[in-house]
């Protein structure tokens, strides 16, 4: 009777081996489930990034507002007849504007003076 019990216990262990450690076993399924969840999280992040980039491309194609904003922030450009004021923090260096400054206005004639005549 003792031998039959040992044989049955051994057969039970042999049957359990593929369930836990074999191909398609519980441990493999758990590992694959973790991989799928990580891949899904990565895909969701990429989808969000793509949506942001798509929105940015649409803004650049449709309106000039985003082009102007990029020119201001990234290139330091300003519009014609616009006054640029830069507030600096302590130990911060000023940013140089990429916009060509407008020419100086012509000299105004004072009282009693006549404007210069050019021919």
PDB file of N, CA and C in Angstrom:
ATOM      1  N   UNK A   1       0.812  -1.186   0.000  1.00  0.00           N
ATOM      2  CA  UNK A   1       0.000   0.000   0.000  1.00  0.00           C
ATOM      3  C   UNK A   1       0.863   1.260   0.000  1.00  0.00           C
ATOM      4  N   UNK A   2       1.951   1.167   0.676  1.00  0.00           N
ATOM      5  CA  UNK A   2       2.864   2.296   0.770  1.00  0.00           C
ATOM      6  C   UNK A   2       3.478   2.602  -0.598  1.00  0.00           C
ATOM      7  N   UNK A   3       3.781   1.618  -1.387  1.00  0.00           N
ATOM      8  CA  UNK A   3       4.374   1.810  -2.709  1.00  0.00           C
ATOM      9  C   UNK A   3       3.363   2.480  -3.639  1.00  0.00           C
ATOM     10  N   UNK A   4       2.108   2.083  -3.545  1.00  0.00           N
ATOM     11  CA  UNK A   4       1.069   2.691  -4.385  1.00  0.00           C
ATOM     12  C   UNK A   4       0.924   4.173  -4.046  1.00  0.00           C
ATOM     13  N   UNK A   5       0.985   4.516  -2.787  1.00  0.00           N
ATOM     14  CA  UNK A   5       0.874   5.922  -2.370  1.00  0.00           C
ATOM     15  C   UNK A   5       2.036   6.725  -2.919  1.00  0.00           C
ATOM     16  N   UNK A   6       3.238   6.181  -2.848  1.00  0.00           N
ATOM     17  CA  UNK A   6       4.417   6.881  -3.376  1.00  0.00           C
ATOM     18  C   UNK A   6       4.328   7.046  -4.897  1.00  0.00           C
ATOM     19  N   UNK A   7       3.871   6.007  -5.589  1.00  0.00           N
ATOM     20  CA  UNK A   7       3.729   6.065  -7.047  1.00  0.00           C
ATOM     21  C   UNK A   7       2.690   7.114  -7.432  1.00  0.00           C
ATOM     22  N   UNK A   8       1.570   7.126  -6.727  1.00  0.00           N
ATOM     23  CA  UNK A   8       0.537   8.123  -7.021  1.00  0.00           C
ATOM     24  C   UNK A   8       1.032   9.548  -6.734  1.00  0.00           C
ATOM     25  N   UNK A   9       1.787   9.724  -5.680  1.00  0.00           N
ATOM     26  CA  UNK A   9       2.350  11.042  -5.355  1.00  0.00           C
ATOM     27  C   UNK A   9       3.335  11.470  -6.444  1.00  0.00           C
ATOM     28  N   UNK A  10       4.157  10.539  -6.924  1.00  0.00           N
ATOM     29  CA  UNK A  10       5.111  10.847  -7.992  1.00  0.00           C
ATOM     30  C   UNK A  10       4.376  11.215  -9.281  1.00  0.00           C
ATOM     31  N   UNK A  11       3.317  10.481  -9.599  1.00  0.00           N
ATOM     32  CA  UNK A  11       2.530  10.800 -10.799  1.00  0.00           C
ATOM     33  C   UNK A  11       1.864  12.175 -10.670  1.00  0.00           C
ATOM     34  N   UNK A  12       1.393  12.483  -9.479  1.00  0.00           N
ATOM     35  CA  UNK A  12       0.786  13.794  -9.254  1.00  0.00           C
ATOM     36  C   UNK A  12       1.801  14.909  -9.479  1.00  0.00           C
ATOM     37  N   UNK A  13       3.024  14.717  -8.988  1.00  0.00           N
ATOM     38  CA  UNK A  13       4.089  15.714  -9.213  1.00  0.00           C
ATOM     39  C   UNK A  13       4.425  15.841 -10.692  1.00  0.00           C
ATOM     40  N   UNK A  14       4.470  14.720 -11.414  1.00  0.00           N
ATOM     41  CA  UNK A  14       4.772  14.759 -12.852  1.00  0.00           C
ATOM     42  C   UNK A  14       3.671  15.487 -13.633  1.00  0.00           C
ATOM     43  N   UNK A  15       2.449  15.324 -13.211  1.00  0.00           N
ATOM     44  CA  UNK A  15       1.337  16.012 -13.874  1.00  0.00           C
ATOM     45  C   UNK A  15       1.391  17.512 -13.582  1.00  0.00           C
ATOM     46  N   UNK A  16       1.813  17.886 -12.380  1.00  0.00           N
ATOM     47  CA  UNK A  16       1.866  19.289 -11.977  1.00  0.00           C
ATOM     48  C   UNK A  16       3.027  20.049 -12.635  1.00  0.00           C
ATOM     49  N   UNK A  17       4.093  19.348 -12.993  1.00  0.00           N
ATOM     50  CA  UNK A  17       5.267  20.021 -13.560  1.00  0.00           C
ATOM     51  C   UNK A  17       4.920  20.886 -14.777  1.00  0.00           C
ATOM     52  N   UNK A  18       4.244  20.343 -15.809  1.00  0.00           N
ATOM     53  CA  UNK A  18       3.935  21.197 -16.966  1.00  0.00           C
ATOM     54  C   UNK A  18       2.996  22.357 -16.615  1.00  0.00           C
ATOM     55  N   UNK A  19       2.129  22.151 -15.650  1.00  0.00           N
ATOM     56  CA  UNK A  19       1.202  23.206 -15.268  1.00  0.00           C
ATOM     57  C   UNK A  19       1.939  24.412 -14.700  1.00  0.00           C
ATOM     58  N   UNK A  20       2.973  24.196 -13.911  1.00  0.00           N
ATOM     59  CA  UNK A  20       3.675  25.304 -13.266  1.00  0.00           C
ATOM     60  C   UNK A  20       4.914  25.755 -14.023  1.00  0.00           C
ATOM     61  N   UNK A  21       5.729  24.822 -14.517  1.00  0.00           N
ATOM     62  CA  UNK A  21       7.028  25.178 -15.078  1.00  0.00           C
ATOM     63  C   UNK A  21       7.153  24.939 -16.578  1.00  0.00           C
ATOM     64  N   UNK A  22       6.250  24.242 -17.178  1.00  0.00           N
ATOM     65  CA  UNK A  22       6.363  23.913 -18.597  1.00  0.00           C
ATOM     66  C   UNK A  22       5.977  25.076 -19.502  1.00  0.00           C
ATOM     67  N   UNK A  23       6.088  24.813 -20.818  1.00  0.00           N
ATOM     68  CA  UNK A  23       5.716  25.824 -21.803  1.00  0.00           C
ATOM     69  C   UNK A  23       4.221  26.094 -21.682  1.00  0.00           C
ATOM     70  N   UNK A  24       3.839  27.338 -21.507  1.00  0.00           N
ATOM     71  CA  UNK A  24       2.447  27.673 -21.305  1.00  0.00           C
ATOM     72  C   UNK A  24       2.012  27.488 -19.866  1.00  0.00           C
ATOM     73  N   UNK A  25       2.973  27.304 -18.964  1.00  0.00           N
ATOM     74  CA  UNK A  25       2.664  27.118 -17.555  1.00  0.00           C
ATOM     75  C   UNK A  25       2.321  28.445 -16.881  1.00  0.00           C
ATOM     76  N   UNK A  26       1.954  28.348 -15.625  1.00  0.00           N
ATOM     77  CA  UNK A  26       1.511  29.525 -14.874  1.00  0.00           C
ATOM     78  C   UNK A  26       2.591  30.600 -14.788  1.00  0.00           C
ATOM     79  N   UNK A  27       3.835  30.204 -14.549  1.00  0.00           N
ATOM     80  CA  UNK A  27       4.917  31.185 -14.436  1.00  0.00           C
ATOM     81  C   UNK A  27       5.166  31.894 -15.765  1.00  0.00           C
ATOM     82  N   UNK A  28       5.123  31.162 -16.854  1.00  0.00           N
ATOM     83  CA  UNK A  28       5.316  31.750 -18.181  1.00  0.00           C
ATOM     84  C   UNK A  28       4.175  32.712 -18.508  1.00  0.00           C
ATOM     85  N   UNK A  29       2.961  32.319 -18.197  1.00  0.00           N
ATOM     86  CA  UNK A  29       1.798  33.172 -18.450  1.00  0.00           C
ATOM     87  C   UNK A  29       1.890  34.463 -17.635  1.00  0.00           C
ATOM     88  N   UNK A  30       2.294  34.365 -16.382  1.00  0.00           N
ATOM     89  CA  UNK A  30       2.438  35.559 -15.543  1.00  0.00           C
ATOM     90  C   UNK A  30       3.507  36.490 -16.105  1.00  0.00           C
ATOM     91  N   UNK A  31       4.625  35.920 -16.571  1.00  0.00           N
ATOM     92  CA  UNK A  31       5.698  36.728 -17.159  1.00  0.00           C
ATOM     93  C   UNK A  31       5.224  37.415 -18.440  1.00  0.00           C
ATOM     94  N   UNK A  32       4.525  36.679 -19.281  1.00  0.00           N
ATOM     95  CA  UNK A  32       4.012  37.261 -20.525  1.00  0.00           C
ATOM     96  C   UNK A  32       2.966  38.352 -20.245  1.00  0.00           C
ATOM     97  N   UNK A  33       2.156  38.159 -19.225  1.00  0.00           N
ATOM     98  CA  UNK A  33       1.163  39.168 -18.845  1.00  0.00           C
ATOM     99  C   UNK A  33       1.856  40.463 -18.423  1.00  0.00           C
ATOM    100  N   UNK A  34       2.936  40.352 -17.666  1.00  0.00           N
ATOM    101  CA  UNK A  34       3.704  41.540 -17.273  1.00  0.00           C
ATOM    102  C   UNK A  34       4.288  42.243 -18.497  1.00  0.00           C
ATOM    103  N   UNK A  35       4.813  41.456 -19.440  1.00  0.00           N
ATOM    104  CA  UNK A  35       5.379  42.042 -20.657  1.00  0.00           C
ATOM    105  C   UNK A  35       4.310  42.778 -21.466  1.00  0.00           C
ATOM    106  N   UNK A  36       3.116  42.192 -21.550  1.00  0.00           N
ATOM    107  CA  UNK A  36       2.023  42.828 -22.288  1.00  0.00           C
ATOM    108  C   UNK A  36       1.620  44.142 -21.627  1.00  0.00           C
ATOM    109  N   UNK A  37       1.545  44.159 -20.290  1.00  0.00           N
ATOM    110  CA  UNK A  37       1.182  45.390 -19.574  1.00  0.00           C
ATOM    111  C   UNK A  37       2.221  46.485 -19.787  1.00  0.00           C
ATOM    112  N   UNK A  38       3.517  46.122 -19.759  1.00  0.00           N
ATOM    113  CA  UNK A  38       4.578  47.111 -20.003  1.00  0.00           C
ATOM    114  C   UNK A  38       4.507  47.633 -21.436  1.00  0.00           C
ATOM    115  N   UNK A  39       4.289  46.739 -22.381  1.00  0.00           N
ATOM    116  CA  UNK A  39       4.190  47.158 -23.778  1.00  0.00           C
ATOM    117  C   UNK A  39       2.977  48.074 -23.984  1.00  0.00           C
ATOM    118  N   UNK A  40       1.874  47.775 -23.320  1.00  0.00           N
ATOM    119  CA  UNK A  40       0.666  48.601 -23.429  1.00  0.00           C
ATOM    120  C   UNK A  40       0.909  49.991 -22.855  1.00  0.00           C
ATOM    121  N   UNK A  41       1.597  50.059 -21.704  1.00  0.00           N
ATOM    122  CA  UNK A  41       1.912  51.359 -21.102  1.00  0.00           C
ATOM    123  C   UNK A  41       2.829  52.164 -22.027  1.00  0.00           C
ATOM    124  N   UNK A  42       3.813  51.497 -22.624  1.00  0.00           N
ATOM    125  CA  UNK A  42       4.718  52.172 -23.563  1.00  0.00           C
ATOM    126  C   UNK A  42       3.949  52.670 -24.786  1.00  0.00           C
ATOM    127  N   UNK A  43       3.056  51.853 -25.303  1.00  0.00           N
ATOM    128  CA  UNK A  43       2.241  52.234 -26.459  1.00  0.00           C
ATOM    129  C   UNK A  43       1.350  53.421 -26.129  1.00  0.00           C
ATOM    130  N   UNK A  44       0.756  53.431 -24.947  1.00  0.00           N
ATOM    131  CA  UNK A  44      -0.087  54.558 -24.537  1.00  0.00           C
ATOM    132  C   UNK A  44       0.731  55.855 -24.480  1.00  0.00           C
ATOM    133  N   UNK A  45       1.956  55.764 -23.960  1.00  0.00           N
ATOM    134  CA  UNK A  45       2.829  56.942 -23.925  1.00  0.00           C
ATOM    135  C   UNK A  45       3.161  57.437 -25.316  1.00  0.00           C
ATOM    136  N   UNK A  46       3.431  56.507 -26.231  1.00  0.00           N
ATOM    137  CA  UNK A  46       3.729  56.895 -27.614  1.00  0.00           C
ATOM    138  C   UNK A  46       2.501  57.498 -28.300  1.00  0.00           C
ATOM    139  N   UNK A  47       1.322  56.960 -28.010  1.00  0.00           N
ATOM    140  CA  UNK A  47       0.098  57.529 -28.593  1.00  0.00           C
ATOM    141  C   UNK A  47      -0.114  58.960 -28.111  1.00  0.00           C
ATOM    142  N   UNK A  48       0.126  59.196 -26.823  1.00  0.00           N
ATOM    143  CA  UNK A  48      -0.029  60.549 -26.282  1.00  0.00           C
ATOM    144  C   UNK A  48       0.981  61.493 -26.930  1.00  0.00           C
ATOM    145  N   UNK A  49       2.208  61.029 -27.097  1.00  0.00           N
ATOM    146  CA  UNK A  49       3.235  61.852 -27.750  1.00  0.00           C
ATOM    147  C   UNK A  49       2.858  62.141 -29.206  1.00  0.00           C
ATOM    148  N   UNK A  50       2.361  61.134 -29.911  1.00  0.00           N
ATOM    149  CA  UNK A  50       1.946  61.332 -31.299  1.00  0.00           C
ATOM    150  C   UNK A  50       0.791  62.318 -31.400  1.00  0.00           C
ATOM    151  N   UNK A  51      -0.160  62.231 -30.470  1.00  0.00           N
ATOM    152  CA  UNK A  51      -1.287  63.165 -30.481  1.00  0.00           C
ATOM    153  C   UNK A  51      -0.798  64.589 -30.254  1.00  0.00           C
ATOM    154  N   UNK A  52       0.149  64.760 -29.357  1.00  0.00           N
ATOM    155  CA  UNK A  52       0.709  66.092 -29.099  1.00  0.00           C
ATOM    156  C   UNK A  52       1.419  66.622 -30.340  1.00  0.00           C
ATOM    157  N   UNK A  53       2.224  65.771 -30.981  1.00  0.00           N
ATOM    158  CA  UNK A  53       2.936  66.196 -32.191  1.00  0.00           C
ATOM    159  C   UNK A  53       1.964  66.490 -33.335  1.00  0.00           C
ATOM    160  N   UNK A  54       0.915  65.686 -33.447  1.00  0.00           N
ATOM    161  CA  UNK A  54      -0.089  65.910 -34.486  1.00  0.00           C
ATOM    162  C   UNK A  54      -0.791  67.251 -34.269  1.00  0.00           C
ATOM    163  N   UNK A  55      -1.107  67.553 -33.039  1.00  0.00           N
ATOM    164  CA  UNK A  55      -1.729  68.831 -32.708  1.00  0.00           C
ATOM    165  C   UNK A  55      -0.796  69.984 -33.043  1.00  0.00           C
ATOM    166  N   UNK A  56       0.478  69.816 -32.745  1.00  0.00           N
ATOM    167  CA  UNK A  56       1.456  70.858 -33.037  1.00  0.00           C
ATOM    168  C   UNK A  56       1.585  71.075 -34.545  1.00  0.00           C
ATOM    169  N   UNK A  57       1.611  69.991 -35.314  1.00  0.00           N
ATOM    170  CA  UNK A  57       1.696  70.097 -36.778  1.00  0.00           C
ATOM    171  C   UNK A  57       0.457  70.792 -37.332  1.00  0.00           C
ATOM    172  N   UNK A  58      -0.710  70.432 -36.809  1.00  0.00           N
ATOM    173  CA  UNK A  58      -1.958  71.056 -37.261  1.00  0.00           C
ATOM    174  C   UNK A  58      -1.934  72.562 -36.971  1.00  0.00           C
ATOM    175  N   UNK A  59      -1.462  72.936 -35.774  1.00  0.00           N
ATOM    176  CA  UNK A  59      -1.360  74.356 -35.434  1.00  0.00           C
ATOM    177  C   UNK A  59      -0.409  75.091 -36.370  1.00  0.00           C
ATOM    178  N   UNK A  60       0.710  74.450 -36.712  1.00  0.00           N
ATOM    179  CA  UNK A  60       1.680  75.090 -37.603  1.00  0.00           C
ATOM    180  C   UNK A  60       1.125  75.250 -39.015  1.00  0.00           C
ATOM    181  N   UNK A  61       0.324  74.286 -39.460  1.00  0.00           N
ATOM    182  CA  UNK A  61      -0.242  74.366 -40.804  1.00  0.00           C
ATOM    183  C   UNK A  61      -1.389  75.366 -40.895  1.00  0.00           C
ATOM    184  N   UNK A  62      -2.226  75.422 -39.861  1.00  0.00           N
ATOM    185  CA  UNK A  62      -3.458  76.203 -39.948  1.00  0.00           C
ATOM    186  C   UNK A  62      -3.296  77.654 -39.525  1.00  0.00           C
ATOM    187  N   UNK A  63      -2.519  77.936 -38.541  1.00  0.00           N
ATOM    188  CA  UNK A  63      -2.486  79.295 -38.031  1.00  0.00           C
ATOM    189  C   UNK A  63      -1.083  79.827 -37.904  1.00  0.00           C
ATOM    190  N   UNK A  64      -0.994  81.134 -37.877  1.00  0.00           N
ATOM    191  CA  UNK A  64       0.295  81.780 -37.722  1.00  0.00           C
ATOM    192  C   UNK A  64       0.627  82.021 -36.255  1.00  0.00           C
ATOM    193  N   UNK A  65      -0.338  81.815 -35.379  1.00  0.00           N
ATOM    194  CA  UNK A  65      -0.111  82.060 -33.960  1.00  0.00           C
ATOM    195  C   UNK A  65       0.994  81.188 -33.394  1.00  0.00           C
ATOM    196  N   UNK A  66       0.999  79.914 -33.756  1.00  0.00           N
ATOM    197  CA  UNK A  66       2.024  79.024 -33.210  1.00  0.00           C
ATOM    198  C   UNK A  66       3.390  79.318 -33.830  1.00  0.00           C
ATOM    199  N   UNK A  67       3.408  79.733 -35.098  1.00  0.00           N
ATOM    200  CA  UNK A  67       4.674  80.108 -35.734  1.00  0.00           C
ATOM    201  C   UNK A  67       5.244  81.337 -35.034  1.00  0.00           C
ATOM    202  N   UNK A  68       4.375  82.294 -34.760  1.00  0.00           N
ATOM    203  CA  UNK A  68       4.808  83.508 -34.063  1.00  0.00           C
ATOM    204  C   UNK A  68       5.315  83.172 -32.664  1.00  0.00           C
ATOM    205  N   UNK A  69       4.605  82.284 -31.977  1.00  0.00           N
ATOM    206  CA  UNK A  69       5.008  81.897 -30.626  1.00  0.00           C
ATOM    207  C   UNK A  69       6.378  81.227 -30.623  1.00  0.00           C
ATOM    208  N   UNK A  70       6.601  80.331 -31.587  1.00  0.00           N
ATOM    209  CA  UNK A  70       7.908  79.672 -31.689  1.00  0.00           C
ATOM    210  C   UNK A  70       9.006  80.675 -32.008  1.00  0.00           C
ATOM    211  N   UNK A  71       8.710  81.609 -32.914  1.00  0.00           N
ATOM    212  CA  UNK A  71       9.708  82.620 -33.265  1.00  0.00           C
ATOM    213  C   UNK A  71      10.064  83.451 -32.042  1.00  0.00           C
ATOM    214  N   UNK A  72       9.084  83.776 -31.239  1.00  0.00           N
ATOM    215  CA  UNK A  72       9.338  84.579 -30.036  1.00  0.00           C
ATOM    216  C   UNK A  72      10.140  83.795 -28.999  1.00  0.00           C
ATOM    217  N   UNK A  73       9.697  82.571 -28.697  1.00  0.00           N
ATOM    218  CA  UNK A  73      10.309  81.807 -27.613  1.00  0.00           C
ATOM    219  C   UNK A  73      11.658  81.201 -27.986  1.00  0.00           C
ATOM    220  N   UNK A  74      11.737  80.608 -29.173  1.00  0.00           N
ATOM    221  CA  UNK A  74      12.944  79.874 -29.530  1.00  0.00           C
ATOM    222  C   UNK A  74      13.987  80.742 -30.223  1.00  0.00           C
ATOM    223  N   UNK A  75      13.543  81.734 -30.986  1.00  0.00           N
ATOM    224  CA  UNK A  75      14.480  82.549 -31.742  1.00  0.00           C
ATOM    225  C   UNK A  75      14.650  83.951 -31.174  1.00  0.00           C
ATOM    226  N   UNK A  76      13.814  84.325 -30.220  1.00  0.00           N
ATOM    227  CA  UNK A  76      13.926  85.643 -29.607  1.00  0.00           C
ATOM    228  C   UNK A  76      13.510  86.773 -30.536  1.00  0.00           C
ATOM    229  N   UNK A  77      12.614  86.505 -31.461  1.00  0.00           N
ATOM    230  CA  UNK A  77      12.196  87.523 -32.429  1.00  0.00           C
ATOM    231  C   UNK A  77      11.050  88.363 -31.859  1.00  0.00           C
ATOM    232  N   UNK A  78      10.956  89.601 -32.345  1.00  0.00           N
ATOM    233  CA  UNK A  78       9.872  90.502 -31.966  1.00  0.00           C
ATOM    234  C   UNK A  78       9.298  91.118 -33.223  1.00  0.00           C
ATOM    235  N   UNK A  79       8.077  91.663 -33.126  1.00  0.00           N
ATOM    236  CA  UNK A  79       7.420  92.288 -34.277  1.00  0.00           C
ATOM    237  C   UNK A  79       7.968  93.690 -34.504  1.00  0.00           C
ATOM    238  N   UNK A  80       7.721  94.195 -35.687  1.00  0.00           N
ATOM    239  CA  UNK A  80       8.091  95.564 -36.027  1.00  0.00           C
ATOM    240  C   UNK A  80       7.315  96.520 -35.119  1.00  0.00           C
ATOM    241  N   UNK A  81       7.944  97.570 -34.675  1.00  0.00           N
ATOM    242  CA  UNK A  81       7.347  98.603 -33.815  1.00  0.00           C
ATOM    243  C   UNK A  81       6.877  98.030 -32.471  1.00  0.00           C
ATOM    244  N   UNK A  82       7.491  96.982 -32.019  1.00  0.00           N
ATOM    245  CA  UNK A  82       7.142  96.372 -30.747  1.00  0.00           C
ATOM    246  C   UNK A  82       8.298  96.631 -29.784  1.00  0.00           C
ATOM    247  N   UNK A  83       7.999  96.861 -28.555  1.00  0.00           N
ATOM    248  CA  UNK A  83       9.032  97.127 -27.559  1.00  0.00           C
ATOM    249  C   UNK A  83       9.305  95.829 -26.808  1.00  0.00           C
ATOM    250  N   UNK A  84      10.571  95.460 -26.755  1.00  0.00           N
ATOM    251  CA  UNK A  84      10.980  94.228 -26.085  1.00  0.00           C
ATOM    252  C   UNK A  84      11.493  94.571 -24.693  1.00  0.00           C
ATOM    253  N   UNK A  85      10.882  93.966 -23.694  1.00  0.00           N
ATOM    254  CA  UNK A  85      11.310  94.170 -22.317  1.00  0.00           C
ATOM    255  C   UNK A  85      11.708  92.810 -21.762  1.00  0.00           C
ATOM    256  N   UNK A  86      12.924  92.732 -21.254  1.00  0.00           N
ATOM    257  CA  UNK A  86      13.419  91.472 -20.720  1.00  0.00           C
ATOM    258  C   UNK A  86      13.724  91.657 -19.240  1.00  0.00           C
ATOM    259  N   UNK A  87      13.086  90.847 -18.418  1.00  0.00           N
ATOM    260  CA  UNK A  87      13.307  90.908 -16.975  1.00  0.00           C
ATOM    261  C   UNK A  87      14.290  89.792 -16.627  1.00  0.00           C
ATOM    262  N   UNK A  88      15.401  90.171 -16.017  1.00  0.00           N
ATOM    263  CA  UNK A  88      16.439  89.200 -15.691  1.00  0.00           C
ATOM    264  C   UNK A  88      16.460  88.920 -14.195  1.00  0.00           C
ATOM    265  N   UNK A  89      16.720  87.673 -13.877  1.00  0.00           N
ATOM    266  CA  UNK A  89      16.927  87.300 -12.485  1.00  0.00           C
ATOM    267  C   UNK A  89      18.389  87.592 -12.127  1.00  0.00           C
ATOM    268  N   UNK A  90      18.683  87.489 -10.874  1.00  0.00           N
ATOM    269  CA  UNK A  90      20.036  87.734 -10.414  1.00  0.00           C
ATOM    270  C   UNK A  90      20.998  86.747 -11.089  1.00  0.00           C
ATOM    271  N   UNK A  91      22.111  87.245 -11.593  1.00  0.00           N
ATOM    272  CA  UNK A  91      23.155  86.460 -12.269  1.00  0.00           C
ATOM    273  C   UNK A  91      22.680  85.831 -13.581  1.00  0.00           C
ATOM    274  N   UNK A  92      21.622  86.348 -14.189  1.00  0.00           N
ATOM    275  CA  UNK A  92      21.135  85.817 -15.466  1.00  0.00           C
ATOM    276  C   UNK A  92      21.618  86.736 -16.578  1.00  0.00           C
ATOM    277  N   UNK A  93      22.077  86.138 -17.672  1.00  0.00           N
ATOM    278  CA  UNK A  93      22.582  86.920 -18.799  1.00  0.00           C
ATOM    279  C   UNK A  93      21.439  87.231 -19.761  1.00  0.00           C
ATOM    280  N   UNK A  94      21.459  88.416 -20.390  1.00  0.00           N
ATOM    281  CA  UNK A  94      20.397  88.752 -21.337  1.00  0.00           C
ATOM    282  C   UNK A  94      20.496  87.918 -22.609  1.00  0.00           C
ATOM    283  N   UNK A  95      19.347  87.667 -23.209  1.00  0.00           N
ATOM    284  CA  UNK A  95      19.278  86.938 -24.463  1.00  0.00           C
ATOM    285  C   UNK A  95      19.294  87.951 -25.583  1.00  0.00           C
ATOM    286  N   UNK A  96      20.089  87.667 -26.602  1.00  0.00           N
ATOM    287  CA  UNK A  96      20.182  88.592 -27.722  1.00  0.00           C
ATOM    288  C   UNK A  96      19.078  88.277 -28.718  1.00  0.00           C
ATOM    289  N   UNK A  97      18.391  89.308 -29.187  1.00  0.00           N
ATOM    290  CA  UNK A  97      17.291  89.136 -30.132  1.00  0.00           C
ATOM    291  C   UNK A  97      17.836  88.855 -31.519  1.00  0.00           C
ATOM    292  N   UNK A  98      17.134  87.984 -32.248  1.00  0.00           N
ATOM    293  CA  UNK A  98      17.523  87.652 -33.616  1.00  0.00           C
ATOM    294  C   UNK A  98      16.884  88.610 -34.624  1.00  0.00           C
ATOM    295  N   UNK A  99      15.994  89.474 -34.162  1.00  0.00           N
ATOM    296  CA  UNK A  99      15.312  90.409 -35.040  1.00  0.00           C
ATOM    297  C   UNK A  99      16.219  91.601 -35.312  1.00  0.00           C
ATOM    298  N   UNK A 100      16.269  91.987 -36.572  1.00  0.00           N
ATOM    299  CA  UNK A 100      17.065  93.161 -36.934  1.00  0.00           C
ATOM    300  C   UNK A 100      16.344  94.391 -36.422  1.00  0.00           C
ATOM    301  N   UNK A 101      17.053  95.247 -35.681  1.00  0.00           N
ATOM    302  CA  UNK A 101      16.368  96.430 -35.155  1.00  0.00           C
ATOM    303  C   UNK A 101      15.960  97.360 -36.288  1.00  0.00           C
ATOM    304  N   UNK A 102      14.864  98.092 -36.121  1.00  0.00           N
ATOM    305  CA  UNK A 102      14.413  99.002 -37.170  1.00  0.00           C
ATOM    306  C   UNK A 102      15.377 100.179 -37.288  1.00  0.00           C
ATOM    307  N   UNK A 103      15.402 100.810 -38.478  1.00  0.00           N
ATOM    308  CA  UNK A 103      16.292 101.963 -38.636  1.00  0.00           C
ATOM    309  C   UNK A 103      15.815 103.098 -37.738  1.00  0.00           C
ATOM    310  N   UNK A 104      16.737 103.954 -37.326  1.00  0.00           N
ATOM    311  CA  UNK A 104      16.324 105.064 -36.467  1.00  0.00           C
ATOM    312  C   UNK A 104      15.407 106.012 -37.227  1.00  0.00           C
ATOM    313  N   UNK A 105      14.502 106.664 -36.529  1.00  0.00           N
ATOM    314  CA  UNK A 105      13.598 107.592 -37.211  1.00  0.00           C
ATOM    315  C   UNK A 105      14.371 108.803 -37.720  1.00  0.00           C
ATOM    316  N   UNK A 106      13.865 109.433 -38.794  1.00  0.00           N
ATOM    317  CA  UNK A 106      14.571 110.613 -39.321  1.00  0.00           C
ATOM    318  C   UNK A 106      14.531 111.739 -38.283  1.00  0.00           C
ATOM    319  N   UNK A 107      15.549 112.569 -38.271  1.00  0.00           N
ATOM    320  CA  UNK A 107      15.571 113.664 -37.290  1.00  0.00           C
ATOM    321  C   UNK A 107      14.409 114.614 -37.526  1.00  0.00           C
ATOM    322  N   UNK A 108      13.793 115.030 -36.432  1.00  0.00           N
ATOM    323  CA  UNK A 108      12.664 115.943 -36.524  1.00  0.00           C
ATOM    324  C   UNK A 108      13.196 117.378 -36.555  1.00  0.00           C
ATOM    325  N   UNK A 109      12.510 118.180 -37.307  1.00  0.00           N
ATOM    326  CA  UNK A 109      12.899 119.593 -37.383  1.00  0.00           C
ATOM    327  C   UNK A 109      12.407 120.287 -36.124  1.00  0.00           C
ATOM    328  N   UNK A 110      13.296 121.042 -35.485  1.00  0.00           N
ATOM    329  CA  UNK A 110      12.925 121.780 -34.291  1.00  0.00           C
ATOM    330  C   UNK A 110      12.186 123.054 -34.668  1.00  0.00           C
ATOM    331  N   UNK A 111      11.831 123.851 -33.684  1.00  0.00           N
ATOM    332  CA  UNK A 111      11.123 125.100 -33.937  1.00  0.00           C
ATOM    333  C   UNK A 111      12.040 126.059 -34.674  1.00  0.00           C
ATOM    334  N   UNK A 112      11.525 126.604 -35.712  1.00  0.00           N
ATOM    335  CA  UNK A 112      12.278 127.580 -36.471  1.00  0.00           C
ATOM    336  C   UNK A 112      13.209 126.941 -37.477  1.00  0.00           C
ATOM    337  N   UNK A 113      13.358 125.658 -37.459  1.00  0.00           N
ATOM    338  CA  UNK A 113      14.216 124.983 -38.422  1.00  0.00           C
ATOM    339  C   UNK A 113      13.353 124.402 -39.524  1.00  0.00           C
ATOM    340  N   UNK A 114      13.944 124.332 -40.684  1.00  0.00           N
ATOM    341  CA  UNK A 114      13.259 123.728 -41.820  1.00  0.00           C
ATOM    342  C   UNK A 114      13.830 122.347 -42.037  1.00  0.00           C
ATOM    343  N   UNK A 115      12.971 121.411 -42.447  1.00  0.00           N
ATOM    344  CA  UNK A 115      13.499 120.075 -42.718  1.00  0.00           C
ATOM    345  C   UNK A 115      14.470 120.111 -43.889  1.00  0.00           C
ATOM    346  N   UNK A 116      15.460 119.229 -43.884  1.00  0.00           N
ATOM    347  CA  UNK A 116      16.423 119.212 -44.981  1.00  0.00           C
ATOM    348  C   UNK A 116      15.730 118.876 -46.304  1.00  0.00           C
ATOM    349  N   UNK A 117      16.173 119.537 -47.328  1.00  0.00           N
ATOM    350  CA  UNK A 117      15.600 119.337 -48.660  1.00  0.00           C
ATOM    351  C   UNK A 117      16.528 118.393 -49.418  1.00  0.00           C
ATOM    352  N   UNK A 118      15.926 117.360 -49.982  1.00  0.00           N
ATOM    353  CA  UNK A 118      16.709 116.418 -50.775  1.00  0.00           C
ATOM    354  C   UNK A 118      16.150 116.378 -52.173  1.00  0.00           C
ATOM    355  N   UNK A 119      17.028 116.373 -53.144  1.00  0.00           N
ATOM    356  CA  UNK A 119      16.592 116.311 -54.550  1.00  0.00           C
ATOM    357  C   UNK A 119      17.105 115.103 -55.194  1.00  0.00           C
TER     358      UNK A 119
END
